[in-house]
PDB file of N, CA and C in Angstrom:
ATOM      1  N   MET A   1      84.782  52.552 -32.580  1.00  0.00           N
ATOM      2  CA  MET A   1      84.453  52.301 -31.858  1.00  0.00           C
ATOM      3  C   MET A   1      84.466  53.110 -30.440  1.00  0.00           C
ATOM      4  N   ASP A   2      84.444  54.487 -30.377  1.00  0.00           N
ATOM      5  CA  ASP A   2      84.656  54.955 -29.717  1.00  0.00           C
ATOM      6  C   ASP A   2      83.857  55.020 -28.732  1.00  0.00           C
ATOM      7  N   GLN A   3      83.879  54.699 -26.985  1.00  0.00           N
ATOM      8  CA  GLN A   3      82.676  54.433 -25.765  1.00  0.00           C
ATOM      9  C   GLN A   3      82.956  55.684 -25.033  1.00  0.00           C
ATOM     10  N   PRO A   4      81.847  56.324 -24.950  1.00  0.00           N
ATOM     11  CA  PRO A   4      81.834  57.550 -23.962  1.00  0.00           C
ATOM     12  C   PRO A   4      82.269  56.847 -22.405  1.00  0.00           C
ATOM     13  N   ASP A   5      82.695  58.190 -21.677  1.00  0.00           N
ATOM     14  CA  ASP A   5      83.220  57.835 -20.222  1.00  0.00           C
ATOM     15  C   ASP A   5      82.164  57.837 -19.209  1.00  0.00           C
ATOM     16  N   ARG A   6      82.129  56.750 -18.947  1.00  0.00           N
ATOM     17  CA  ARG A   6      80.821  56.762 -17.971  1.00  0.00           C
ATOM     18  C   ARG A   6      81.456  56.742 -16.276  1.00  0.00           C
ATOM     19  N   PRO A   7      80.523  57.621 -15.854  1.00  0.00           N
ATOM     20  CA  PRO A   7      81.130  57.547 -14.779  1.00  0.00           C
ATOM     21  C   PRO A   7      81.554  56.262 -13.765  1.00  0.00           C
ATOM     22  N   PRO A   8      81.719  56.593 -12.670  1.00  0.00           N
ATOM     23  CA  PRO A   8      82.102  55.179 -11.603  1.00  0.00           C
ATOM     24  C   PRO A   8      80.744  55.005 -11.004  1.00  0.00           C
ATOM     25  N   PRO A   9      80.215  53.602 -11.313  1.00  0.00           N
ATOM     26  CA  PRO A   9      78.735  53.243 -10.345  1.00  0.00           C
ATOM     27  C   PRO A   9      79.020  53.729  -8.670  1.00  0.00           C
ATOM     28  N   LYS A  10      77.625  54.156  -8.345  1.00  0.00           N
ATOM     29  CA  LYS A  10      77.269  55.322  -7.155  1.00  0.00           C
ATOM     30  C   LYS A  10      76.938  53.778  -6.478  1.00  0.00           C
ATOM     31  N   ARG A  11      77.487  54.473  -5.226  1.00  0.00           N
ATOM     32  CA  ARG A  11      77.139  53.011  -4.192  1.00  0.00           C
ATOM     33  C   ARG A  11      75.859  53.191  -3.377  1.00  0.00           C
ATOM     34  N   ASP A  12      75.427  51.943  -3.139  1.00  0.00           N
ATOM     35  CA  ASP A  12      73.716  51.804  -2.695  1.00  0.00           C
ATOM     36  C   ASP A  12      73.768  51.752  -1.533  1.00  0.00           C
ATOM     37  N   TYR A  13      73.999  52.997  -0.759  1.00  0.00           N
ATOM     38  CA  TYR A  13      74.251  52.334   0.960  1.00  0.00           C
ATOM     39  C   TYR A  13      72.456  52.373   1.515  1.00  0.00           C
ATOM     40  N   LEU A  14      71.467  51.830   0.959  1.00  0.00           N
ATOM     41  CA  LEU A  14      70.202  52.155   1.701  1.00  0.00           C
ATOM     42  C   LEU A  14      69.986  50.855   2.344  1.00  0.00           C
ATOM     43  N   GLY A  15      70.796  49.372   1.628  1.00  0.00           N
ATOM     44  CA  GLY A  15      70.971  48.225   2.770  1.00  0.00           C
ATOM     45  C   GLY A  15      71.015  48.308   3.935  1.00  0.00           C
ATOM     46  N   LEU A  16      73.057  49.047   3.903  1.00  0.00           N
ATOM     47  CA  LEU A  16      73.500  49.507   4.979  1.00  0.00           C
ATOM     48  C   LEU A  16      72.172  50.030   6.061  1.00  0.00           C
ATOM     49  N   ILE A  17      71.721  50.967   5.045  1.00  0.00           N
ATOM     50  CA  ILE A  17      71.023  51.972   6.473  1.00  0.00           C
ATOM     51  C   ILE A  17      70.019  51.183   7.237  1.00  0.00           C
ATOM     52  N   VAL A  18      69.315  50.296   6.292  1.00  0.00           N
ATOM     53  CA  VAL A  18      68.076  50.024   6.803  1.00  0.00           C
ATOM     54  C   VAL A  18      68.533  48.955   7.751  1.00  0.00           C
ATOM     55  N   LEU A  19      69.783  47.809   7.661  1.00  0.00           N
ATOM     56  CA  LEU A  19      70.253  46.965   8.493  1.00  0.00           C
ATOM     57  C   LEU A  19      70.726  47.729  10.182  1.00  0.00           C
ATOM     58  N   ALA A  20      71.449  48.516   9.875  1.00  0.00           N
ATOM     59  CA  ALA A  20      71.494  49.986  10.763  1.00  0.00           C
ATOM     60  C   ALA A  20      70.666  50.113  11.710  1.00  0.00           C
ATOM     61  N   ALA A  21      69.130  50.215  10.938  1.00  0.00           N
ATOM     62  CA  ALA A  21      67.891  51.281  11.613  1.00  0.00           C
ATOM     63  C   ALA A  21      67.381  49.389  12.457  1.00  0.00           C
ATOM     64  N   LEU A  22      67.646  48.616  11.873  1.00  0.00           N
ATOM     65  CA  LEU A  22      66.864  47.506  12.135  1.00  0.00           C
ATOM     66  C   LEU A  22      67.859  46.639  13.573  1.00  0.00           C
ATOM     67  N   LEU A  23      69.029  46.787  13.533  1.00  0.00           N
ATOM     68  CA  LEU A  23      69.783  46.471  14.666  1.00  0.00           C
ATOM     69  C   LEU A  23      69.768  47.507  15.652  1.00  0.00           C
ATOM     70  N   GLY A  24      69.767  49.111  15.258  1.00  0.00           N
ATOM     71  CA  GLY A  24      69.405  49.795  16.356  1.00  0.00           C
ATOM     72  C   GLY A  24      68.062  49.723  16.904  1.00  0.00           C
ATOM     73  N   LEU A  25      67.130  49.183  16.435  1.00  0.00           N
ATOM     74  CA  LEU A  25      65.739  49.248  16.871  1.00  0.00           C
ATOM     75  C   LEU A  25      65.373  47.678  17.623  1.00  0.00           C
ATOM     76  N   ILE A  26      66.543  46.509  17.576  1.00  0.00           N
ATOM     77  CA  ILE A  26      66.760  45.037  18.592  1.00  0.00           C
ATOM     78  C   ILE A  26      67.489  45.406  19.355  1.00  0.00           C
ATOM     79  N   ALA A  27      68.446  46.761  19.045  1.00  0.00           N
ATOM     80  CA  ALA A  27      69.479  46.759  20.798  1.00  0.00           C
ATOM     81  C   ALA A  27      68.230  47.900  21.376  1.00  0.00           C
ATOM     82  N   LEU A  28      67.614  48.664  21.023  1.00  0.00           N
ATOM     83  CA  LEU A  28      66.763  49.341  22.012  1.00  0.00           C
ATOM     84  C   LEU A  28      65.764  48.609  22.706  1.00  0.00           C
ATOM     85  N   GLY A  29      65.303  47.538  21.712  1.00  0.00           N
ATOM     86  CA  GLY A  29      64.598  46.881  22.485  1.00  0.00           C
ATOM     87  C   GLY A  29      64.674  46.008  23.532  1.00  0.00           C
ATOM     88  N   ILE A  30      65.681  45.185  23.373  1.00  0.00           N
ATOM     89  CA  ILE A  30      66.903  44.557  24.245  1.00  0.00           C
ATOM     90  C   ILE A  30      66.829  45.611  25.864  1.00  0.00           C
ATOM     91  N   ALA A  31      67.335  46.767  25.318  1.00  0.00           N
ATOM     92  CA  ALA A  31      67.765  47.608  26.673  1.00  0.00           C
ATOM     93  C   ALA A  31      66.124  47.827  27.070  1.00  0.00           C
ATOM     94  N   ILE A  32      65.091  47.913  26.695  1.00  0.00           N
ATOM     95  CA  ILE A  32      64.206  48.247  27.455  1.00  0.00           C
ATOM     96  C   ILE A  32      63.175  47.554  27.762  1.00  0.00           C
ATOM     97  N   PHE A  33      63.129  46.665  27.329  1.00  0.00           N
ATOM     98  CA  PHE A  33      62.330  45.362  28.310  1.00  0.00           C
ATOM     99  C   PHE A  33      62.193  45.024  29.833  1.00  0.00           C
ATOM    100  N   PRO A  34      63.695  45.307  29.844  1.00  0.00           N
ATOM    101  CA  PRO A  34      63.210  44.773  31.516  1.00  0.00           C
ATOM    102  C   PRO A  34      62.460  45.762  32.006  1.00  0.00           C
ATOM    103  N   ARG A  35      62.659  46.799  31.640  1.00  0.00           N
ATOM    104  CA  ARG A  35      61.711  47.787  32.657  1.00  0.00           C
ATOM    105  C   ARG A  35      60.476  47.584  32.610  1.00  0.00           C
ATOM    106  N   ILE A  36      59.806  47.593  30.681  1.00  0.00           N
ATOM    107  CA  ILE A  36      58.444  47.474  30.355  1.00  0.00           C
ATOM    108  C   ILE A  36      58.313  46.391  31.782  1.00  0.00           C
ATOM    109  N   GLU A  37      59.236  44.561  31.705  1.00  0.00           N
ATOM    110  CA  GLU A  37      58.665  43.975  32.240  1.00  0.00           C
ATOM    111  C   GLU A  37      58.055  43.961  34.296  1.00  0.00           C
ATOM    112  N   ARG A  38      59.463  45.253  34.266  1.00  0.00           N
ATOM    113  CA  ARG A  38      59.271  45.389  35.817  1.00  0.00           C
ATOM    114  C   ARG A  38      57.868  46.579  35.949  1.00  0.00           C
ATOM    115  N   MET A  39      57.352  47.451  34.979  1.00  0.00           N
ATOM    116  CA  MET A  39      56.477  48.169  34.965  1.00  0.00           C
ATOM    117  C   MET A  39      55.234  46.945  34.644  1.00  0.00           C
ATOM    118  N   ILE A  40      55.289  45.890  34.205  1.00  0.00           N
ATOM    119  CA  ILE A  40      53.978  45.540  33.861  1.00  0.00           C
ATOM    120  C   ILE A  40      53.858  44.481  35.081  1.00  0.00           C
ATOM    121  N   ALA A  41      54.760  43.903  36.015  1.00  0.00           N
ATOM    122  CA  ALA A  41      54.319  43.119  36.829  1.00  0.00           C
ATOM    123  C   ALA A  41      54.386  43.810  37.992  1.00  0.00           C
ATOM    124  N   TYR A  42      54.400  44.949  38.054  1.00  0.00           N
ATOM    125  CA  TYR A  42      54.423  45.943  39.670  1.00  0.00           C
ATOM    126  C   TYR A  42      52.485  46.639  38.977  1.00  0.00           C
ATOM    127  N   GLN A  43      52.220  46.555  38.019  1.00  0.00           N
ATOM    128  CA  GLN A  43      50.784  46.760  37.673  1.00  0.00           C
ATOM    129  C   GLN A  43      50.181  45.413  37.685  1.00  0.00           C
ATOM    130  N   ASP A  44      50.210  44.455  37.734  1.00  0.00           N
ATOM    131  CA  ASP A  44      49.820  43.566  38.050  1.00  0.00           C
ATOM    132  C   ASP A  44      49.543  43.278  39.830  1.00  0.00           C
ATOM    133  N   CYS A  45      51.183  43.505  40.419  1.00  0.00           N
ATOM    134  CA  CYS A  45      50.572  43.342  41.939  1.00  0.00           C
ATOM    135  C   CYS A  45      49.612  43.744  42.119  1.00  0.00           C
ATOM    136  N   VAL A  46      50.309  45.402  41.585  1.00  0.00           N
ATOM    137  CA  VAL A  46      48.844  46.265  42.175  1.00  0.00           C
ATOM    138  C   VAL A  46      47.371  45.558  42.151  1.00  0.00           C
ATOM    139  N   ALA A  47      46.955  45.998  41.131  1.00  0.00           N
ATOM    140  CA  ALA A  47      45.878  45.164  40.944  1.00  0.00           C
ATOM    141  C   ALA A  47      45.480  43.966  41.498  1.00  0.00           C
ATOM    142  N   SER A  48      46.166  43.030  41.921  1.00  0.00           N
ATOM    143  CA  SER A  48      45.976  42.072  42.244  1.00  0.00           C
ATOM    144  C   SER A  48      45.589  42.157  44.020  1.00  0.00           C
ATOM    145  N   GLY A  49      45.694  43.518  44.342  1.00  0.00           N
ATOM    146  CA  GLY A  49      45.696  44.256  45.985  1.00  0.00           C
ATOM    147  C   GLY A  49      46.340  43.852  46.804  1.00  0.00           C
ATOM    148  N   HIS A  50      47.762  43.745  46.360  1.00  0.00           N
ATOM    149  CA  HIS A  50      48.917  43.748  47.488  1.00  0.00           C
ATOM    150  C   HIS A  50      49.760  45.124  47.541  1.00  0.00           C
ATOM    151  N   ILE A  51      49.918  45.340  48.900  1.00  0.00           N
ATOM    152  CA  ILE A  51      49.802  47.096  49.464  1.00  0.00           C
ATOM    153  C   ILE A  51      51.386  46.807  49.226  1.00  0.00           C
ATOM    154  N   ASN A  52      52.734  46.171  49.175  1.00  0.00           N
ATOM    155  CA  ASN A  52      53.946  45.992  49.123  1.00  0.00           C
ATOM    156  C   ASN A  52      54.576  45.782  47.580  1.00  0.00           C
ATOM    157  N   CYS A  53      53.912  46.337  46.795  1.00  0.00           N
ATOM    158  CA  CYS A  53      54.620  45.714  45.324  1.00  0.00           C
ATOM    159  C   CYS A  53      56.050  46.348  44.919  1.00  0.00           C
ATOM    160  N   GLY A  54      56.358  47.688  45.504  1.00  0.00           N
ATOM    161  CA  GLY A  54      57.818  48.232  45.485  1.00  0.00           C
ATOM    162  C   GLY A  54      59.118  47.129  45.659  1.00  0.00           C
ATOM    163  N   GLY A  55      58.927  46.139  46.079  1.00  0.00           N
ATOM    164  CA  GLY A  55      60.002  45.008  46.335  1.00  0.00           C
ATOM    165  C   GLY A  55      60.782  45.259  47.725  1.00  0.00           C
ATOM    166  N   ARG A  56      61.080  46.751  48.353  1.00  0.00           N
ATOM    167  CA  ARG A  56      61.912  46.916  49.360  1.00  0.00           C
ATOM    168  C   ARG A  56      61.104  46.702  50.233  1.00  0.00           C
ATOM    169  N   THR A  57      62.574  46.113  51.115  1.00  0.00           N
ATOM    170  CA  THR A  57      61.929  45.813  52.959  1.00  0.00           C
ATOM    171  C   THR A  57      62.167  46.806  53.731  1.00  0.00           C
ATOM    172  N   GLY A  58      61.983  47.180  54.787  1.00  0.00           N
ATOM    173  CA  GLY A  58      61.969  48.245  55.394  1.00  0.00           C
ATOM    174  C   GLY A  58      62.008  49.847  55.080  1.00  0.00           C
ATOM    175  N   PRO A  59      62.223  50.526  55.883  1.00  0.00           N
ATOM    176  CA  PRO A  59      61.398  51.983  55.525  1.00  0.00           C
ATOM    177  C   PRO A  59      62.037  52.541  54.627  1.00  0.00           C
TER     178      PRO A  59
END
């Protein structure tokens, strides 16, 4: 009963890579969302006819 030497099983990193990619996309979405929200609010302000949509007061 001589069994051939089997190589050690290779680790499957695909699941970890997919998890890291999803976490990266979530983090990117959280970082970018406030900027997109401000841009949409500005466009809504301009579209409604206001002239002081920048949020700044004074010169």
